[in-house]
Amino acid sequence: MIGDWLDIGWVNEIPVRGSRVVKVTGGDDIAVFRSGEGKVFALRDRCPHKHGRLSQGIVHGGAVACPLHNWRISLSSGEALGEDKGCTPTVPVRIDAGRVLIHRASTLAAAA
């Protein structure tokens, strides 16, 4: 951990168009995604619709499809796209020398 940031590993440990899960004690896990363009995003690992694990969804462009009902969730905002309504909390991410860091306080807030 670096101050308020939690080091969760190397960028290349997150599959392109895939995710990895960060376990949060006492709350919902955080899904960390890497887009096809190599951008990294973090969201609470819960769809706002039926609480499907977003980490198990398919990433296309800037969104992930929930594995339960195919809702598309924006990786940058957490908002449901199209006609669907709802939002899942986002967690700030930064890359430092190839390492992925997520904002520690935000992981706890997202899990609440």
N, C-alpha and C. Protein backbone atom coordinates (compact mmCIF):
# COMPACT_ATOMS: atom_id res chain seq x y z
N MET A 1 0.85 -1.17 0.00
CA MET A 1 0.00 0.00 0.00
C MET A 1 0.89 1.24 0.00
N ILE A 2 0.52 2.21 -0.83
CA ILE A 2 1.26 3.46 -0.92
C ILE A 2 0.32 4.57 -0.50
N GLY A 3 0.38 5.00 0.77
CA GLY A 3 -0.53 6.03 1.27
C GLY A 3 -1.98 5.58 1.16
N ASP A 4 -2.77 6.36 0.45
CA ASP A 4 -4.19 6.05 0.26
C ASP A 4 -4.43 5.08 -0.89
N TRP A 5 -3.37 4.62 -1.53
CA TRP A 5 -3.50 3.75 -2.70
C TRP A 5 -3.06 2.33 -2.38
N LEU A 6 -3.82 1.37 -2.85
CA LEU A 6 -3.54 -0.05 -2.63
C LEU A 6 -2.97 -0.63 -3.91
N ASP A 7 -1.74 -1.16 -3.85
CA ASP A 7 -1.09 -1.78 -5.01
C ASP A 7 -1.67 -3.18 -5.18
N ILE A 8 -2.29 -3.41 -6.34
CA ILE A 8 -2.92 -4.73 -6.56
C ILE A 8 -2.18 -5.58 -7.59
N GLY A 9 -1.07 -5.09 -8.12
CA GLY A 9 -0.28 -5.92 -9.03
C GLY A 9 0.06 -5.22 -10.33
N TRP A 10 0.67 -5.99 -11.23
CA TRP A 10 1.10 -5.49 -12.53
C TRP A 10 -0.08 -5.34 -13.48
N VAL A 11 -0.02 -4.33 -14.33
CA VAL A 11 -1.06 -4.13 -15.35
C VAL A 11 -1.23 -5.39 -16.19
N ASN A 12 -0.12 -6.01 -16.61
CA ASN A 12 -0.22 -7.17 -17.49
C ASN A 12 -0.79 -8.42 -16.80
N GLU A 13 -1.04 -8.35 -15.50
CA GLU A 13 -1.71 -9.45 -14.80
C GLU A 13 -3.23 -9.40 -14.98
N ILE A 14 -3.72 -8.28 -15.51
CA ILE A 14 -5.15 -8.15 -15.80
C ILE A 14 -5.31 -8.45 -17.28
N PRO A 15 -6.09 -9.46 -17.63
CA PRO A 15 -6.21 -9.81 -19.05
C PRO A 15 -6.84 -8.68 -19.86
N VAL A 16 -6.36 -8.50 -21.09
CA VAL A 16 -6.97 -7.54 -22.01
C VAL A 16 -8.41 -7.99 -22.26
N ARG A 17 -9.35 -7.04 -22.17
CA ARG A 17 -10.79 -7.30 -22.27
C ARG A 17 -11.26 -8.28 -21.19
N GLY A 18 -10.60 -8.23 -20.05
CA GLY A 18 -10.95 -9.10 -18.94
C GLY A 18 -10.83 -8.38 -17.62
N SER A 19 -10.80 -9.15 -16.54
CA SER A 19 -10.78 -8.54 -15.22
C SER A 19 -10.05 -9.42 -14.22
N ARG A 20 -9.84 -8.84 -13.07
CA ARG A 20 -9.43 -9.60 -11.90
C ARG A 20 -10.17 -9.02 -10.72
N VAL A 21 -10.32 -9.80 -9.68
CA VAL A 21 -11.13 -9.40 -8.52
C VAL A 21 -10.22 -9.10 -7.34
N VAL A 22 -10.53 -8.00 -6.66
CA VAL A 22 -9.85 -7.64 -5.41
C VAL A 22 -10.85 -7.89 -4.29
N LYS A 23 -10.50 -8.77 -3.36
CA LYS A 23 -11.37 -9.10 -2.23
C LYS A 23 -11.38 -7.96 -1.22
N VAL A 24 -12.57 -7.60 -0.75
CA VAL A 24 -12.73 -6.55 0.24
C VAL A 24 -13.38 -7.17 1.47
N THR A 25 -12.68 -7.13 2.59
CA THR A 25 -13.20 -7.70 3.83
C THR A 25 -14.46 -6.95 4.27
N GLY A 26 -15.52 -7.69 4.50
CA GLY A 26 -16.75 -7.10 5.01
C GLY A 26 -17.59 -6.38 3.98
N GLY A 27 -17.34 -6.58 2.70
CA GLY A 27 -18.14 -5.90 1.69
C GLY A 27 -18.05 -6.56 0.34
N ASP A 28 -18.56 -5.87 -0.67
CA ASP A 28 -18.51 -6.39 -2.03
C ASP A 28 -17.10 -6.28 -2.58
N ASP A 29 -16.73 -7.26 -3.40
CA ASP A 29 -15.42 -7.24 -4.05
C ASP A 29 -15.37 -6.13 -5.09
N ILE A 30 -14.14 -5.79 -5.50
CA ILE A 30 -13.91 -4.80 -6.54
C ILE A 30 -13.41 -5.54 -7.79
N ALA A 31 -14.04 -5.25 -8.94
CA ALA A 31 -13.61 -5.82 -10.21
C ALA A 31 -12.73 -4.79 -10.91
N VAL A 32 -11.53 -5.21 -11.31
CA VAL A 32 -10.59 -4.33 -12.00
C VAL A 32 -10.49 -4.84 -13.44
N PHE A 33 -10.82 -3.97 -14.39
CA PHE A 33 -10.90 -4.33 -15.80
C PHE A 33 -9.79 -3.68 -16.60
N ARG A 34 -9.40 -4.35 -17.72
CA ARG A 34 -8.49 -3.74 -18.69
C ARG A 34 -9.16 -3.82 -20.06
N SER A 35 -9.37 -2.67 -20.66
CA SER A 35 -10.04 -2.61 -21.96
C SER A 35 -9.09 -3.08 -23.07
N GLY A 36 -9.64 -3.24 -24.27
CA GLY A 36 -8.83 -3.61 -25.42
C GLY A 36 -7.78 -2.56 -25.76
N GLU A 37 -8.04 -1.32 -25.34
CA GLU A 37 -7.08 -0.22 -25.56
C GLU A 37 -6.05 -0.14 -24.44
N GLY A 38 -6.17 -1.01 -23.43
CA GLY A 38 -5.21 -1.03 -22.34
C GLY A 38 -5.54 -0.13 -21.16
N LYS A 39 -6.69 0.54 -21.20
CA LYS A 39 -7.09 1.38 -20.07
C LYS A 39 -7.59 0.50 -18.93
N VAL A 40 -7.35 0.94 -17.69
CA VAL A 40 -7.73 0.16 -16.51
C VAL A 40 -8.82 0.91 -15.74
N PHE A 41 -9.84 0.16 -15.31
CA PHE A 41 -10.98 0.70 -14.59
C PHE A 41 -11.30 -0.21 -13.40
N ALA A 42 -11.95 0.33 -12.39
CA ALA A 42 -12.37 -0.49 -11.24
C ALA A 42 -13.80 -0.12 -10.86
N LEU A 43 -14.60 -1.15 -10.61
CA LEU A 43 -16.00 -1.01 -10.22
C LEU A 43 -16.31 -1.98 -9.10
N ARG A 44 -17.34 -1.66 -8.32
CA ARG A 44 -17.85 -2.66 -7.39
C ARG A 44 -18.28 -3.85 -8.24
N ASP A 45 -17.97 -5.06 -7.80
CA ASP A 45 -18.23 -6.28 -8.59
C ASP A 45 -19.68 -6.73 -8.43
N ARG A 46 -20.61 -5.79 -8.72
CA ARG A 46 -22.04 -6.09 -8.57
C ARG A 46 -22.84 -5.25 -9.55
N CYS A 47 -23.59 -5.90 -10.40
CA CYS A 47 -24.47 -5.20 -11.33
C CYS A 47 -25.59 -4.54 -10.52
N PRO A 48 -26.00 -3.31 -10.89
CA PRO A 48 -27.08 -2.66 -10.14
C PRO A 48 -28.45 -3.30 -10.36
N HIS A 49 -28.57 -4.19 -11.33
CA HIS A 49 -29.85 -4.81 -11.67
C HIS A 49 -30.15 -6.01 -10.78
N LYS A 50 -29.44 -7.11 -11.02
CA LYS A 50 -29.68 -8.35 -10.27
C LYS A 50 -28.43 -8.80 -9.51
N HIS A 51 -27.49 -7.88 -9.34
CA HIS A 51 -26.27 -8.10 -8.54
C HIS A 51 -25.35 -9.18 -9.11
N GLY A 52 -25.38 -9.37 -10.43
CA GLY A 52 -24.44 -10.30 -11.06
C GLY A 52 -23.01 -9.81 -10.90
N ARG A 53 -22.08 -10.75 -10.89
CA ARG A 53 -20.65 -10.40 -10.74
C ARG A 53 -20.13 -9.87 -12.07
N LEU A 54 -19.90 -8.56 -12.12
CA LEU A 54 -19.43 -7.93 -13.36
C LEU A 54 -18.08 -8.50 -13.81
N SER A 55 -17.28 -8.96 -12.88
CA SER A 55 -15.98 -9.54 -13.21
C SER A 55 -16.12 -10.77 -14.11
N GLN A 56 -17.30 -11.36 -14.15
CA GLN A 56 -17.53 -12.55 -14.99
C GLN A 56 -18.15 -12.17 -16.34
N GLY A 57 -18.32 -10.86 -16.57
CA GLY A 57 -18.92 -10.39 -17.81
C GLY A 57 -17.89 -10.23 -18.92
N ILE A 58 -18.40 -9.90 -20.11
CA ILE A 58 -17.56 -9.70 -21.28
C ILE A 58 -17.35 -8.20 -21.48
N VAL A 59 -16.09 -7.81 -21.66
CA VAL A 59 -15.75 -6.41 -21.87
C VAL A 59 -15.75 -6.14 -23.37
N HIS A 60 -16.53 -5.12 -23.80
CA HIS A 60 -16.47 -4.66 -25.18
C HIS A 60 -16.36 -3.14 -25.15
N GLY A 61 -15.33 -2.64 -25.79
CA GLY A 61 -15.11 -1.20 -25.80
C GLY A 61 -14.97 -0.67 -24.38
N GLY A 62 -15.80 0.30 -24.04
CA GLY A 62 -15.74 0.92 -22.72
C GLY A 62 -16.81 0.42 -21.77
N ALA A 63 -17.32 -0.82 -21.99
CA ALA A 63 -18.39 -1.35 -21.14
C ALA A 63 -18.16 -2.83 -20.85
N VAL A 64 -18.84 -3.29 -19.81
CA VAL A 64 -18.86 -4.72 -19.48
C VAL A 64 -20.32 -5.16 -19.49
N ALA A 65 -20.57 -6.35 -20.02
CA ALA A 65 -21.93 -6.90 -20.04
C ALA A 65 -22.10 -7.80 -18.82
N CYS A 66 -23.15 -7.54 -18.04
CA CYS A 66 -23.42 -8.38 -16.88
C CYS A 66 -23.72 -9.80 -17.36
N PRO A 67 -23.16 -10.81 -16.69
CA PRO A 67 -23.38 -12.19 -17.13
C PRO A 67 -24.80 -12.70 -16.87
N LEU A 68 -25.58 -12.02 -16.03
CA LEU A 68 -26.93 -12.51 -15.73
C LEU A 68 -27.97 -12.09 -16.76
N HIS A 69 -28.02 -10.79 -17.08
CA HIS A 69 -29.07 -10.31 -17.98
C HIS A 69 -28.53 -9.41 -19.07
N ASN A 70 -27.22 -9.42 -19.29
CA ASN A 70 -26.59 -8.71 -20.38
C ASN A 70 -26.71 -7.18 -20.30
N TRP A 71 -26.99 -6.63 -19.12
CA TRP A 71 -26.95 -5.18 -18.98
C TRP A 71 -25.53 -4.73 -19.29
N ARG A 72 -25.39 -3.64 -20.02
CA ARG A 72 -24.07 -3.07 -20.31
C ARG A 72 -23.80 -1.95 -19.32
N ILE A 73 -22.66 -2.05 -18.63
CA ILE A 73 -22.27 -1.08 -17.61
C ILE A 73 -21.01 -0.37 -18.08
N SER A 74 -21.05 0.98 -18.08
CA SER A 74 -19.89 1.78 -18.48
C SER A 74 -18.75 1.55 -17.49
N LEU A 75 -17.57 1.25 -18.01
CA LEU A 75 -16.41 1.05 -17.14
C LEU A 75 -15.95 2.37 -16.51
N SER A 76 -16.16 3.48 -17.20
CA SER A 76 -15.67 4.76 -16.67
C SER A 76 -16.62 5.40 -15.65
N SER A 77 -17.93 5.21 -15.83
CA SER A 77 -18.89 5.87 -14.93
C SER A 77 -19.66 4.92 -14.02
N GLY A 78 -19.72 3.64 -14.37
CA GLY A 78 -20.52 2.67 -13.62
C GLY A 78 -22.00 2.71 -13.98
N GLU A 79 -22.39 3.62 -14.90
CA GLU A 79 -23.79 3.77 -15.30
C GLU A 79 -24.22 2.67 -16.26
N ALA A 80 -25.47 2.21 -16.11
CA ALA A 80 -26.06 1.29 -17.08
C ALA A 80 -26.25 2.05 -18.39
N LEU A 81 -26.00 1.39 -19.50
CA LEU A 81 -26.10 2.03 -20.81
C LEU A 81 -27.40 1.63 -21.51
N GLY A 82 -27.78 2.41 -22.51
CA GLY A 82 -29.01 2.14 -23.24
C GLY A 82 -30.21 2.54 -22.41
N GLU A 83 -31.28 1.76 -22.51
CA GLU A 83 -32.51 2.07 -21.79
C GLU A 83 -32.48 1.62 -20.33
N ASP A 84 -31.49 0.82 -19.96
CA ASP A 84 -31.40 0.33 -18.59
C ASP A 84 -31.02 1.47 -17.64
N LYS A 85 -31.50 1.41 -16.41
CA LYS A 85 -31.23 2.45 -15.42
C LYS A 85 -30.57 1.82 -14.19
N GLY A 86 -29.54 2.47 -13.71
CA GLY A 86 -28.84 2.01 -12.52
C GLY A 86 -27.36 2.36 -12.61
N CYS A 87 -26.69 2.23 -11.50
CA CYS A 87 -25.27 2.59 -11.45
C CYS A 87 -24.58 1.75 -10.38
N THR A 88 -23.36 1.35 -10.66
CA THR A 88 -22.52 0.69 -9.66
C THR A 88 -21.36 1.62 -9.35
N PRO A 89 -20.92 1.70 -8.10
CA PRO A 89 -19.84 2.62 -7.75
C PRO A 89 -18.53 2.32 -8.48
N THR A 90 -17.83 3.37 -8.86
CA THR A 90 -16.51 3.25 -9.45
C THR A 90 -15.45 3.47 -8.37
N VAL A 91 -14.26 3.00 -8.65
CA VAL A 91 -13.12 3.17 -7.73
C VAL A 91 -11.98 3.80 -8.54
N PRO A 92 -11.41 4.91 -8.05
CA PRO A 92 -10.30 5.53 -8.78
C PRO A 92 -9.11 4.57 -8.93
N VAL A 93 -8.50 4.62 -10.12
CA VAL A 93 -7.36 3.76 -10.45
C VAL A 93 -6.24 4.65 -10.98
N ARG A 94 -5.02 4.28 -10.68
CA ARG A 94 -3.87 4.92 -11.31
C ARG A 94 -2.82 3.85 -11.59
N ILE A 95 -1.98 4.14 -12.58
CA ILE A 95 -0.89 3.24 -12.95
C ILE A 95 0.41 3.94 -12.59
N ASP A 96 1.29 3.25 -11.88
CA ASP A 96 2.57 3.81 -11.47
C ASP A 96 3.65 2.77 -11.79
N ALA A 97 4.49 3.08 -12.77
CA ALA A 97 5.58 2.20 -13.19
C ALA A 97 5.08 0.79 -13.50
N GLY A 98 3.93 0.71 -14.18
CA GLY A 98 3.38 -0.58 -14.57
C GLY A 98 2.57 -1.29 -13.50
N ARG A 99 2.46 -0.69 -12.32
CA ARG A 99 1.69 -1.27 -11.22
C ARG A 99 0.32 -0.61 -11.17
N VAL A 100 -0.72 -1.39 -10.87
CA VAL A 100 -2.08 -0.87 -10.75
C VAL A 100 -2.34 -0.55 -9.29
N LEU A 101 -2.80 0.68 -9.05
CA LEU A 101 -3.14 1.09 -7.70
C LEU A 101 -4.60 1.53 -7.69
N ILE A 102 -5.34 1.09 -6.68
CA ILE A 102 -6.72 1.53 -6.53
C ILE A 102 -6.83 2.31 -5.23
N HIS A 103 -7.75 3.28 -5.22
CA HIS A 103 -7.89 4.16 -4.06
C HIS A 103 -8.51 3.38 -2.90
N ARG A 104 -7.78 3.27 -1.83
CA ARG A 104 -8.17 2.43 -0.70
C ARG A 104 -9.52 2.86 -0.08
N ALA A 105 -9.67 4.14 0.24
CA ALA A 105 -10.91 4.60 0.87
C ALA A 105 -12.11 4.36 -0.05
N SER A 106 -11.91 4.50 -1.36
CA SER A 106 -13.00 4.29 -2.31
C SER A 106 -13.41 2.83 -2.38
N THR A 107 -12.47 1.90 -2.14
CA THR A 107 -12.84 0.48 -2.16
C THR A 107 -13.77 0.18 -1.00
N LEU A 108 -13.53 0.83 0.14
CA LEU A 108 -14.40 0.62 1.31
C LEU A 108 -15.75 1.28 1.10
N ALA A 109 -15.76 2.48 0.49
CA ALA A 109 -17.02 3.18 0.22
C ALA A 109 -17.85 2.40 -0.80
N ALA A 110 -17.20 1.85 -1.82
CA ALA A 110 -17.91 1.09 -2.85
C ALA A 110 -18.49 -0.19 -2.26
N ALA A 111 -17.83 -0.73 -1.25
CA ALA A 111 -18.29 -1.97 -0.65
C ALA A 111 -19.42 -1.74 0.35
N ALA A 112 -19.61 -0.50 0.77
CA ALA A 112 -20.64 -0.21 1.79
C ALA A 112 -22.05 -0.28 1.22
